[in-house]
Amino acid sequence: MPGHVQKKQYGAWMFKAFQRIAKFKNLRGGALDIFGKTEERRQEREAIEDYIKLLDEILAKLTTSNHGAAVALASVPDEIRGYGHVKEKSVAEAKKLQEERLQAFRNPQAAKMTA
């Protein structure tokens, strides 16, 4: 696809580079984490916070009648796959799915009528 990052192959030397980089993993999440400052990482952290809020709502409103809808809603992040533009598309689809499942969770009677 034009405009999208393409996969590339590298030689065995790349494993040695990864081994050296791995020694700096204690910097993750700190002030010196240069990769943690990217827009994609910020969105990931925001998504985690949003998911925790969603779980709080689910727990506060969980009943036997909406249990199935709650499980379906809580499993939406399992639909997110890939990196880069693949992940962006996956996140957009997951947001649509989450909105549908959130409505079904909040109003199980209306969801039964439309199904």
C-alpha atoms as a PDB file:
ATOM      1  CA  MET A   1       0.000   0.000   0.000  1.00  0.00           C
ATOM      2  CA  PRO A   2       1.447   3.363  -0.918  1.00  0.00           C
ATOM      3  CA  GLY A   3       2.238   5.606   1.999  1.00  0.00           C
ATOM      4  CA  HIS A   4       2.460   2.744   4.484  1.00  0.00           C
ATOM      5  CA  VAL A   5       5.535   1.276   6.089  1.00  0.00           C
ATOM      6  CA  GLN A   6       6.677  -1.928   4.396  1.00  0.00           C
ATOM      7  CA  LYS A   7       8.213  -4.948   6.109  1.00  0.00           C
ATOM      8  CA  LYS A   8      11.943  -5.374   5.601  1.00  0.00           C
ATOM      9  CA  GLN A   9      14.343  -8.227   6.181  1.00  0.00           C
ATOM     10  CA  TYR A  10      17.571  -7.866   8.116  1.00  0.00           C
ATOM     11  CA  GLY A  11      20.519 -10.141   8.629  1.00  0.00           C
ATOM     12  CA  ALA A  12      21.558 -12.034  11.724  1.00  0.00           C
ATOM     13  CA  TRP A  13      23.463  -8.955  12.911  1.00  0.00           C
ATOM     14  CA  MET A  14      20.120  -7.480  13.956  1.00  0.00           C
ATOM     15  CA  PHE A  15      19.808 -10.033  16.780  1.00  0.00           C
ATOM     16  CA  LYS A  16      23.044  -8.725  18.282  1.00  0.00           C
ATOM     17  CA  ALA A  17      21.687  -5.178  18.067  1.00  0.00           C
ATOM     18  CA  PHE A  18      18.496  -6.300  19.837  1.00  0.00           C
ATOM     19  CA  GLN A  19      20.560  -7.966  22.562  1.00  0.00           C
ATOM     20  CA  ARG A  20      22.367  -4.684  23.183  1.00  0.00           C
ATOM     21  CA  ILE A  21      19.139  -2.700  23.166  1.00  0.00           C
ATOM     22  CA  ALA A  22      17.561  -5.179  25.605  1.00  0.00           C
ATOM     23  CA  LYS A  23      20.073  -4.097  28.250  1.00  0.00           C
ATOM     24  CA  PHE A  24      18.313  -0.727  28.371  1.00  0.00           C
ATOM     25  CA  LYS A  25      14.833  -2.086  29.081  1.00  0.00           C
ATOM     26  CA  ASN A  26      15.007  -0.734  32.634  1.00  0.00           C
ATOM     27  CA  LEU A  27      14.557   2.727  31.063  1.00  0.00           C
ATOM     28  CA  ARG A  28      11.061   1.835  29.812  1.00  0.00           C
ATOM     29  CA  GLY A  29       8.376   4.128  31.113  1.00  0.00           C
ATOM     30  CA  GLY A  30      10.868   6.614  32.496  1.00  0.00           C
ATOM     31  CA  ALA A  31      12.027  10.045  31.422  1.00  0.00           C
ATOM     32  CA  LEU A  32      14.679   8.557  29.096  1.00  0.00           C
ATOM     33  CA  ASP A  33      12.263   6.263  27.244  1.00  0.00           C
ATOM     34  CA  ILE A  34      12.440   7.869  23.797  1.00  0.00           C
ATOM     35  CA  PHE A  35      10.062   5.345  22.227  1.00  0.00           C
ATOM     36  CA  GLY A  36       7.485   5.928  24.950  1.00  0.00           C
ATOM     37  CA  LYS A  37       7.011   9.498  23.778  1.00  0.00           C
ATOM     38  CA  THR A  38       5.621   8.576  20.346  1.00  0.00           C
ATOM     39  CA  GLU A  39       1.994   9.275  19.478  1.00  0.00           C
ATOM     40  CA  GLU A  40       1.294   5.555  19.158  1.00  0.00           C
ATOM     41  CA  ARG A  41       2.551   4.866  22.705  1.00  0.00           C
ATOM     42  CA  ARG A  42       0.543   7.797  24.092  1.00  0.00           C
ATOM     43  CA  GLN A  43      -2.575   6.376  22.450  1.00  0.00           C
ATOM     44  CA  GLU A  44      -1.832   2.950  23.917  1.00  0.00           C
ATOM     45  CA  ARG A  45      -1.534   4.389  27.434  1.00  0.00           C
ATOM     46  CA  GLU A  46      -4.754   6.360  26.926  1.00  0.00           C
ATOM     47  CA  ALA A  47      -6.500   3.205  25.708  1.00  0.00           C
ATOM     48  CA  ILE A  48      -5.439   1.379  28.865  1.00  0.00           C
ATOM     49  CA  GLU A  49      -6.858   4.163  31.050  1.00  0.00           C
ATOM     50  CA  ASP A  50     -10.105   4.140  29.042  1.00  0.00           C
ATOM     51  CA  TYR A  51     -10.334   0.364  29.403  1.00  0.00           C
ATOM     52  CA  ILE A  52      -9.916   0.572  33.178  1.00  0.00           C
ATOM     53  CA  LYS A  53     -12.743   3.128  33.314  1.00  0.00           C
ATOM     54  CA  LEU A  54     -14.877   0.843  31.169  1.00  0.00           C
ATOM     55  CA  LEU A  55     -14.205  -2.092  33.510  1.00  0.00           C
ATOM     56  CA  ASP A  56     -15.186   0.081  36.463  1.00  0.00           C
ATOM     57  CA  GLU A  57     -18.503   0.844  34.750  1.00  0.00           C
ATOM     58  CA  ILE A  58     -19.043  -2.814  33.936  1.00  0.00           C
ATOM     59  CA  LEU A  59     -18.403  -3.858  37.535  1.00  0.00           C
ATOM     60  CA  ALA A  60     -20.685  -1.149  38.904  1.00  0.00           C
ATOM     61  CA  LYS A  61     -23.602  -2.172  36.657  1.00  0.00           C
ATOM     62  CA  LEU A  62     -23.063  -5.929  36.342  1.00  0.00           C
ATOM     63  CA  THR A  63     -26.157  -8.106  36.778  1.00  0.00           C
ATOM     64  CA  THR A  64     -27.084 -11.623  35.761  1.00  0.00           C
ATOM     65  CA  SER A  65     -29.120 -10.267  32.876  1.00  0.00           C
ATOM     66  CA  ASN A  66     -26.245  -8.307  31.334  1.00  0.00           C
ATOM     67  CA  HIS A  67     -23.415 -10.724  32.136  1.00  0.00           C
ATOM     68  CA  GLY A  68     -23.053 -11.933  28.541  1.00  0.00           C
ATOM     69  CA  ALA A  69     -23.008  -8.397  27.213  1.00  0.00           C
ATOM     70  CA  ALA A  70     -20.426  -7.480  29.884  1.00  0.00           C
ATOM     71  CA  VAL A  71     -18.128 -10.326  28.849  1.00  0.00           C
ATOM     72  CA  ALA A  72     -18.477  -9.370  25.168  1.00  0.00           C
ATOM     73  CA  LEU A  73     -17.768  -5.730  25.971  1.00  0.00           C
ATOM     74  CA  ALA A  74     -14.739  -6.517  28.126  1.00  0.00           C
ATOM     75  CA  SER A  75     -13.270  -8.676  25.356  1.00  0.00           C
ATOM     76  CA  VAL A  76     -13.192  -5.914  22.711  1.00  0.00           C
ATOM     77  CA  PRO A  77      -9.435  -5.247  23.183  1.00  0.00           C
ATOM     78  CA  ASP A  78      -8.793  -8.821  22.035  1.00  0.00           C
ATOM     79  CA  GLU A  79      -9.800  -7.641  18.558  1.00  0.00           C
ATOM     80  CA  ILE A  80      -6.906  -5.180  18.279  1.00  0.00           C
ATOM     81  CA  ARG A  81      -4.029  -6.550  16.231  1.00  0.00           C
ATOM     82  CA  GLY A  82      -0.921  -5.388  14.420  1.00  0.00           C
ATOM     83  CA  TYR A  83       1.367  -2.398  14.394  1.00  0.00           C
ATOM     84  CA  GLY A  84       1.313   0.941  12.628  1.00  0.00           C
ATOM     85  CA  HIS A  85      -1.383   1.397   9.996  1.00  0.00           C
ATOM     86  CA  VAL A  86      -2.663  -2.156  10.554  1.00  0.00           C
ATOM     87  CA  LYS A  87      -3.202  -1.387  14.231  1.00  0.00           C
ATOM     88  CA  GLU A  88      -4.852   1.968  13.433  1.00  0.00           C
ATOM     89  CA  LYS A  89      -7.449   0.196  11.302  1.00  0.00           C
ATOM     90  CA  SER A  90      -7.911  -2.480  13.963  1.00  0.00           C
ATOM     91  CA  VAL A  91      -8.405   0.150  16.688  1.00  0.00           C
ATOM     92  CA  ALA A  92     -11.016   1.987  14.591  1.00  0.00           C
ATOM     93  CA  GLU A  93     -12.961  -1.248  14.067  1.00  0.00           C
ATOM     94  CA  ALA A  94     -12.663  -2.106  17.770  1.00  0.00           C
ATOM     95  CA  LYS A  95     -14.043   1.315  18.744  1.00  0.00           C
ATOM     96  CA  LYS A  96     -17.122   0.719  16.584  1.00  0.00           C
ATOM     97  CA  LEU A  97     -17.559  -2.735  18.074  1.00  0.00           C
ATOM     98  CA  GLN A  98     -17.122  -1.351  21.596  1.00  0.00           C
ATOM     99  CA  GLU A  99     -19.808   1.273  21.004  1.00  0.00           C
ATOM    100  CA  GLU A 100     -22.255  -1.387  19.808  1.00  0.00           C
ATOM    101  CA  ARG A 101     -21.482  -3.670  22.739  1.00  0.00           C
ATOM    102  CA  LEU A 102     -21.606  -0.783  25.202  1.00  0.00           C
ATOM    103  CA  GLN A 103     -25.136   0.050  24.055  1.00  0.00           C
ATOM    104  CA  ALA A 104     -26.105  -3.613  24.411  1.00  0.00           C
ATOM    105  CA  PHE A 105     -24.633  -3.664  27.916  1.00  0.00           C
ATOM    106  CA  ARG A 106     -26.275  -0.441  29.039  1.00  0.00           C
ATOM    107  CA  ASN A 107     -29.655  -1.312  27.537  1.00  0.00           C
ATOM    108  CA  PRO A 108     -30.076  -5.100  27.178  1.00  0.00           C
ATOM    109  CA  GLN A 109     -33.788  -4.789  26.326  1.00  0.00           C
ATOM    110  CA  ALA A 110     -33.144  -2.600  23.269  1.00  0.00           C
ATOM    111  CA  ALA A 111     -30.353  -4.927  22.140  1.00  0.00           C
ATOM    112  CA  LYS A 112     -32.740  -7.900  22.190  1.00  0.00           C
ATOM    113  CA  MET A 113     -35.272  -5.990  20.109  1.00  0.00           C
ATOM    114  CA  THR A 114     -32.740  -5.121  17.391  1.00  0.00           C
ATOM    115  CA  ALA A 115     -31.184  -8.585  17.298  1.00  0.00           C
END
